[in-house]
């Protein structure tokens, strides 16, 4: 599209010729004529001198030293992501219910919905306007799906789960399976009935093969704008706060409360009944065993303050040497040497 048209779609100030034709976004390292790229910080400044792209999205500070066509942005990375979405809109199948899908007679299907082949929509379920249910999705009775939500193939939405608007659920995810609860009794295990719900609020994204378990009583809740990577596990009665992000293979045991805007690195995990404050950052593979204060950065297992953890990690390679020195001092002391 013309650069002026793109600037209008993004709502950004254009410096340069609006008639330039933009064919695709590109990374700054390989951007050529007809492409648009971005520069988000001063470390990109040396690359701007030899840039061959037709346009670059950059900050007003960087724009002062760049003579080519530019879009001025307070957050070039975010606006480049918006540019990608414009040039590469997600695949959307045609509207309508495929003849090979099974839809209960009393299911409520909104306008402009797409339901793919071999999907199953149970009794009393509802799907809001403009939502997309890809092939081989199972939606149990009583589940409620909001508007403009997309559920990819192989996902399962269990009974009485509530999913909000503009939610994106990737392949193989399971929302609303039983929480993990058993009690020892008479030499065996008695299953604790999991009779609660799952509530997924608006603008949440749930990665492939991730699981959000239903509550024992009450609800497991993933708040607005939260993002779960692939292979993430959220156990029963947890609450994930607004805009928090959990990277792949991370997990929460039962009844964990995660605040707003928290970040979990890959394979990080938490013991049950822990509260994690807003804006906390959990380093990859950390093991949380107690409450985490607001804004804390923790790592290690058991997880501790990141500043202490870094010092511990720095010492670890020297432990064999320190052990040898300690044994030598012990032997010298035992021998009676001064």
Protein backbone atom coordinates (compact mmCIF):
# COMPACT_ATOMS: atom_id res chain seq x y z
CA UNK A 1 0.00 0.00 0.00
CA UNK A 2 1.01 3.64 -0.27
CA UNK A 3 3.03 4.93 2.65
CA UNK A 4 0.50 7.70 3.27
CA UNK A 5 -2.29 5.13 3.57
CA UNK A 6 -0.24 3.07 6.01
CA UNK A 7 0.53 6.17 8.09
CA UNK A 8 -3.20 6.86 8.29
CA UNK A 9 -4.01 3.31 9.40
CA UNK A 10 -1.36 3.50 12.11
CA UNK A 11 -2.16 7.08 13.14
CA UNK A 12 1.52 8.09 12.88
CA UNK A 13 3.20 11.26 11.65
CA UNK A 14 4.69 10.83 8.18
CA UNK A 15 7.93 12.50 7.15
CA UNK A 16 8.61 12.00 3.47
CA UNK A 17 6.74 11.04 0.33
CA UNK A 18 3.35 9.49 1.06
CA UNK A 19 3.18 8.03 -2.45
CA UNK A 20 5.99 5.54 -1.78
CA UNK A 21 4.75 1.98 -2.36
CA UNK A 22 5.30 -0.37 0.59
CA UNK A 23 5.16 -4.06 -0.29
CA UNK A 24 6.06 -5.69 3.04
CA UNK A 25 7.61 -5.19 6.50
CA UNK A 26 11.17 -6.45 6.98
CA UNK A 27 13.83 -6.71 9.72
CA UNK A 28 16.30 -3.85 9.67
CA UNK A 29 19.22 -6.16 8.83
CA UNK A 30 17.70 -7.26 5.52
CA UNK A 31 15.29 -4.45 4.65
CA UNK A 32 15.43 -3.39 1.01
CA UNK A 33 13.55 -1.13 -1.42
CA UNK A 34 9.78 -1.37 -1.02
CA UNK A 35 9.95 -2.53 2.60
CA UNK A 36 9.30 -0.84 5.92
CA UNK A 37 11.31 -1.57 9.06
CA UNK A 38 11.74 -0.06 12.53
CA UNK A 39 14.43 1.31 14.84
CA UNK A 40 13.44 1.36 18.48
CA UNK A 41 16.55 2.65 20.24
CA UNK A 42 19.90 4.39 19.82
CA UNK A 43 21.67 1.09 19.21
CA UNK A 44 20.02 1.02 15.78
CA UNK A 45 21.38 4.47 14.86
CA UNK A 46 24.56 3.20 13.10
CA UNK A 47 22.40 1.00 10.85
CA UNK A 48 20.31 3.93 9.63
CA UNK A 49 23.17 5.41 7.58
CA UNK A 50 23.21 2.47 5.15
CA UNK A 51 19.50 1.58 5.38
CA UNK A 52 17.97 0.58 2.03
CA UNK A 53 14.37 0.30 3.24
CA UNK A 54 11.80 2.65 1.74
CA UNK A 55 10.60 3.71 5.20
CA UNK A 56 11.51 3.23 8.84
CA UNK A 57 9.36 3.56 11.95
CA UNK A 58 11.44 5.37 14.57
CA UNK A 59 11.35 7.77 17.49
CA UNK A 60 11.46 11.53 17.07
CA UNK A 61 14.97 11.50 18.58
CA UNK A 62 16.28 9.14 15.91
CA UNK A 63 14.35 10.92 13.17
CA UNK A 64 16.55 13.99 13.61
CA UNK A 65 19.54 12.14 12.19
CA UNK A 66 17.70 10.24 9.42
CA UNK A 67 17.03 11.79 6.02
CA UNK A 68 14.76 9.13 4.49
CA UNK A 69 11.03 8.57 4.73
CA UNK A 70 9.93 7.86 8.26
CA UNK A 71 6.92 7.28 10.49
CA UNK A 72 7.38 8.94 13.89
CA UNK A 73 6.40 6.75 16.82
CA UNK A 74 6.71 6.80 20.59
CA UNK A 75 6.97 2.99 20.50
CA UNK A 76 8.40 1.80 17.16
CA UNK A 77 8.40 -1.87 18.10
CA UNK A 78 4.69 -1.83 18.96
CA UNK A 79 3.83 0.07 15.79
CA UNK A 80 5.91 -2.34 13.70
CA UNK A 81 3.86 -5.16 15.24
CA UNK A 82 0.70 -3.31 14.16
CA UNK A 83 2.21 -2.99 10.68
CA UNK A 84 2.77 -6.75 10.53
CA UNK A 85 -0.89 -7.29 11.43
CA UNK A 86 -1.97 -4.99 8.60
CA UNK A 87 0.13 -6.76 5.96
CA UNK A 88 -0.45 -10.28 7.27
CA UNK A 89 -3.99 -10.54 8.66
CA UNK A 90 -4.72 -13.89 10.32
CA UNK A 91 -6.41 -16.61 8.29
CA UNK A 92 -10.17 -16.53 8.68
CA UNK A 93 -12.38 -19.23 7.14
CA UNK A 94 -15.71 -18.33 5.50
CA UNK A 95 -18.69 -17.52 7.67
CA UNK A 96 -21.26 -20.23 8.30
CA UNK A 97 -21.58 -23.67 9.83
CA UNK A 98 -19.88 -26.46 7.92
CA UNK A 99 -22.23 -29.33 7.13
CA UNK A 100 -19.90 -31.76 8.87
CA UNK A 101 -20.06 -29.90 12.19
CA UNK A 102 -22.44 -30.97 14.96
CA UNK A 103 -24.36 -28.13 16.60
CA UNK A 104 -26.97 -28.75 19.30
CA UNK A 105 -30.46 -27.52 18.44
CA UNK A 106 -30.56 -25.14 21.41
CA UNK A 107 -27.03 -23.76 20.98
CA UNK A 108 -27.00 -19.99 20.38
CA UNK A 109 -24.87 -19.03 17.38
CA UNK A 110 -24.33 -15.34 16.70
CA UNK A 111 -24.07 -13.52 13.41
CA UNK A 112 -21.04 -13.94 11.11
CA UNK A 113 -19.76 -16.97 13.04
CA UNK A 114 -17.62 -19.62 11.35
CA UNK A 115 -17.77 -23.23 12.60
CA UNK A 116 -15.44 -25.66 10.86
CA UNK A 117 -15.90 -29.33 9.97
CA UNK A 118 -16.03 -31.96 12.73
CA UNK A 119 -16.44 -29.38 15.47
CA UNK A 120 -19.01 -30.10 18.18
CA UNK A 121 -21.13 -27.44 19.90
CA UNK A 122 -23.01 -28.85 22.90
CA UNK A 123 -26.47 -28.16 24.27
CA UNK A 124 -27.03 -24.69 25.64
CA UNK A 125 -23.65 -23.43 24.47
CA UNK A 126 -23.40 -19.94 22.96
CA UNK A 127 -20.97 -18.41 20.48
CA UNK A 128 -20.87 -14.66 20.04
CA UNK A 129 -20.91 -12.60 16.87
CA UNK A 130 -17.94 -12.89 14.55
CA UNK A 131 -16.21 -15.73 16.39
CA UNK A 132 -14.29 -18.45 14.56
CA UNK A 133 -14.39 -22.09 15.62
CA UNK A 134 -11.84 -23.97 13.53
CA UNK A 135 -12.19 -27.68 12.58
CA UNK A 136 -12.30 -30.37 15.28
CA UNK A 137 -12.99 -28.08 18.22
CA UNK A 138 -15.12 -29.48 21.06
CA UNK A 139 -17.33 -27.07 23.00
CA UNK A 140 -19.17 -28.77 25.84
CA UNK A 141 -22.75 -28.02 26.94
CA UNK A 142 -23.29 -24.68 28.62
CA UNK A 143 -20.00 -23.12 27.52
CA UNK A 144 -20.21 -19.43 26.62
CA UNK A 145 -17.94 -17.96 23.96
CA UNK A 146 -17.86 -14.20 23.44
CA UNK A 147 -17.61 -12.10 20.29
CA UNK A 148 -14.67 -12.03 17.85
CA UNK A 149 -13.04 -14.97 19.63
CA UNK A 150 -10.96 -17.53 17.73
CA UNK A 151 -10.53 -21.15 18.83
CA UNK A 152 -8.11 -23.25 16.81
CA UNK A 153 -8.41 -26.92 15.92
CA UNK A 154 -8.07 -29.57 18.57
CA UNK A 155 -8.99 -27.29 21.46
CA UNK A 156 -11.55 -28.42 24.05
CA UNK A 157 -13.77 -26.02 25.98
CA UNK A 158 -15.44 -27.88 28.83
CA UNK A 159 -18.91 -27.45 30.33
CA UNK A 160 -19.90 -24.13 31.90
CA UNK A 161 -16.69 -22.36 30.89
CA UNK A 162 -17.04 -18.65 30.12
CA UNK A 163 -14.77 -17.10 27.50
CA UNK A 164 -14.84 -13.37 26.76
CA UNK A 165 -14.45 -11.26 23.64
CA UNK A 166 -11.46 -11.23 21.29
CA UNK A 167 -9.89 -14.24 22.98
CA UNK A 168 -7.41 -16.34 21.00
CA UNK A 169 -7.08 -20.02 21.95
CA UNK A 170 -4.47 -22.04 20.08
CA UNK A 171 -4.44 -25.66 18.99
CA UNK A 172 -4.87 -28.39 21.58
CA UNK A 173 -5.60 -26.16 24.55
CA UNK A 174 -7.97 -27.54 27.18
CA UNK A 175 -10.05 -25.08 29.18
CA UNK A 176 -12.04 -26.42 32.12
CA UNK A 177 -10.62 -29.89 32.77
CA UNK A 178 -10.88 -31.12 36.36
CA UNK A 179 -8.56 -29.65 38.94
CA UNK A 180 -6.16 -32.10 40.60
CA UNK A 181 -7.62 -32.94 44.00
CA UNK A 182 -7.63 -36.23 45.95
CA UNK A 183 -7.91 -37.23 49.63
CA UNK A 184 -6.49 -40.36 51.25
CA UNK A 185 -9.29 -42.48 52.70
CA UNK A 186 -9.51 -46.15 53.73
CA UNK A 187 -6.28 -47.04 51.98
CA UNK A 188 -7.19 -45.37 48.72
CA UNK A 189 -7.74 -42.00 47.11
CA UNK A 190 -11.09 -40.24 46.99
CA UNK A 191 -11.49 -37.76 44.16
CA UNK A 192 -12.61 -34.27 45.24
CA UNK A 193 -15.38 -33.24 42.85
CA UNK A 194 -14.35 -30.24 40.76
CA UNK A 195 -17.66 -28.42 40.44
CA UNK A 196 -16.43 -24.87 39.83
CA UNK A 197 -15.93 -22.89 36.65
CA UNK A 198 -13.32 -21.24 34.46
CA UNK A 199 -13.65 -17.60 33.42
CA UNK A 200 -11.43 -16.28 30.64
CA UNK A 201 -11.83 -12.52 30.31
CA UNK A 202 -11.51 -10.34 27.21
CA UNK A 203 -8.36 -10.14 25.04
CA UNK A 204 -6.66 -13.19 26.58
CA UNK A 205 -4.40 -15.44 24.48
CA UNK A 206 -3.83 -19.09 25.44
CA UNK A 207 -1.05 -21.03 23.73
CA UNK A 208 -1.06 -24.46 22.14
CA UNK A 209 -1.54 -27.44 24.47
CA UNK A 210 -1.97 -25.22 27.51
CA UNK A 211 -4.46 -26.12 30.23
CA UNK A 212 -6.63 -24.06 32.56
CA UNK A 213 -8.33 -26.26 35.16
CA UNK A 214 -11.79 -25.63 36.56
CA UNK A 215 -12.10 -24.65 40.20
CA UNK A 216 -13.07 -27.08 42.91
CA UNK A 217 -15.68 -24.50 44.00
CA UNK A 218 -15.90 -20.99 42.63
CA UNK A 219 -13.85 -20.08 39.58
CA UNK A 220 -10.41 -20.22 38.05
CA UNK A 221 -9.97 -16.80 36.43
CA UNK A 222 -7.64 -15.49 33.74
CA UNK A 223 -8.05 -11.73 33.75
CA UNK A 224 -8.26 -9.32 30.84
CA UNK A 225 -5.30 -9.17 28.48
CA UNK A 226 -3.28 -11.97 30.11
CA UNK A 227 -1.14 -14.11 27.79
CA UNK A 228 -0.25 -17.78 28.27
CA UNK A 229 2.45 -19.34 26.11
CA UNK A 230 2.42 -22.94 24.87
CA UNK A 231 2.38 -25.76 27.43
CA UNK A 232 1.38 -23.55 30.36
CA UNK A 233 -0.63 -25.07 33.21
CA UNK A 234 -3.01 -23.07 35.40
CA UNK A 235 -4.39 -25.21 38.23
CA UNK A 236 -7.76 -25.03 39.98
CA UNK A 237 -8.86 -21.82 41.72
CA UNK A 238 -5.95 -19.76 40.42
CA UNK A 239 -6.29 -16.15 39.36
CA UNK A 240 -3.98 -14.68 36.71
CA UNK A 241 -4.00 -10.90 36.79
CA UNK A 242 -4.54 -8.46 33.94
CA UNK A 243 -1.83 -8.38 31.27
CA UNK A 244 0.37 -10.92 33.03
CA UNK A 245 2.45 -13.19 30.80
CA UNK A 246 3.56 -16.77 31.43
CA UNK A 247 6.21 -18.25 29.12
CA UNK A 248 6.26 -21.86 27.91
CA UNK A 249 6.16 -24.76 30.37
CA UNK A 250 5.52 -22.50 33.35
CA UNK A 251 2.83 -23.50 35.79
CA UNK A 252 0.80 -22.56 38.83
CA UNK A 253 -0.34 -25.01 41.51
CA UNK A 254 -3.78 -24.64 43.04
CA UNK A 255 -5.14 -21.37 44.47
CA UNK A 256 -2.25 -19.16 43.34
CA UNK A 257 -3.03 -15.47 42.83
CA UNK A 258 -0.91 -13.64 40.26
CA UNK A 259 -1.14 -9.85 40.19
CA UNK A 260 -1.28 -7.49 37.22
CA UNK A 261 1.51 -7.18 34.64
CA UNK A 262 3.60 -10.04 36.07
CA UNK A 263 6.12 -11.93 33.91
CA UNK A 264 7.05 -15.62 34.24
CA UNK A 265 10.07 -17.01 32.40
CA UNK A 266 9.96 -20.47 30.85
CA UNK A 267 9.59 -23.45 33.20
CA UNK A 268 8.98 -21.21 36.21
CA UNK A 269 6.54 -22.65 38.72
CA UNK A 270 4.73 -21.84 41.91
CA UNK A 271 3.64 -23.89 44.91
CA UNK A 272 -0.01 -23.70 45.92
CA UNK A 273 -1.74 -20.87 47.84
CA UNK A 274 0.93 -18.30 46.97
CA UNK A 275 0.22 -14.63 46.23
CA UNK A 276 2.41 -12.86 43.68
CA UNK A 277 2.30 -9.07 43.67
CA UNK A 278 1.77 -6.78 40.70
CA UNK A 279 4.67 -6.31 38.27
CA UNK A 280 6.68 -9.17 39.79
CA UNK A 281 9.18 -10.80 37.42
CA UNK A 282 9.94 -14.50 37.80
CA UNK A 283 13.14 -15.72 36.13
CA UNK A 284 13.08 -18.88 34.00
CA UNK A 285 13.07 -22.16 35.98
CA UNK A 286 12.42 -20.36 39.27
CA UNK A 287 10.54 -22.28 41.94
CA UNK A 288 8.25 -20.07 44.03
CA UNK A 289 7.56 -21.36 47.53
CA UNK A 290 6.19 -18.28 49.31
CA UNK A 291 4.49 -14.96 48.62
CA UNK A 292 6.25 -12.55 46.27
CA UNK A 293 6.08 -8.82 46.89
CA UNK A 294 5.00 -6.22 44.36
CA UNK A 295 7.68 -5.43 41.78
CA UNK A 296 10.08 -8.12 43.00
CA UNK A 297 12.50 -9.88 40.65
CA UNK A 298 13.25 -13.41 41.81
CA UNK A 299 15.08 -16.47 40.55
CA UNK A 300 16.40 -19.87 41.62
CA UNK A 301 14.83 -22.81 43.42
CA UNK A 302 13.65 -21.99 45.99
CA UNK A 303 13.21 -18.55 44.43
CA UNK A 304 15.01 -15.65 46.12
CA UNK A 305 15.78 -12.01 45.33
CA UNK A 306 17.50 -11.82 41.96
CA UNK A 307 20.44 -9.83 43.30
CA UNK A 308 21.25 -12.59 45.79
CA UNK A 309 20.61 -15.29 43.19
CA UNK A 310 23.11 -13.72 40.78
CA UNK A 311 25.82 -13.67 43.46
CA UNK A 312 25.11 -17.33 44.23
CA UNK A 313 25.34 -18.30 40.58
CA UNK A 314 28.60 -16.39 40.22
CA UNK A 315 30.11 -18.39 43.10
CA UNK A 316 28.95 -21.83 41.91
CA UNK A 317 31.76 -22.43 39.37
CA UNK A 318 34.30 -21.78 42.13
CA UNK A 319 32.79 -24.22 44.63
CA UNK A 320 35.20 -27.13 43.83
CA UNK A 321 38.19 -24.81 44.29
CA UNK A 322 36.74 -23.37 47.50
CA UNK A 323 36.07 -26.89 48.82
CA UNK A 324 39.70 -27.90 48.15
CA UNK A 325 40.97 -24.79 49.93
CA UNK A 326 38.66 -25.47 52.88
CA UNK A 327 39.88 -29.09 53.17
CA UNK A 328 43.50 -27.89 53.04
CA UNK A 329 42.82 -25.40 55.85
CA UNK A 330 41.09 -28.11 57.93
CA UNK A 331 44.00 -30.48 57.44
CA UNK A 332 46.47 -27.75 58.41
CA UNK A 333 44.44 -26.89 61.51
CA UNK A 334 44.15 -30.57 62.55
CA UNK A 335 47.92 -30.96 62.16
CA UNK A 336 48.39 -28.16 64.66
CA UNK A 337 50.08 -25.79 62.25
CA UNK A 338 49.67 -22.11 62.96
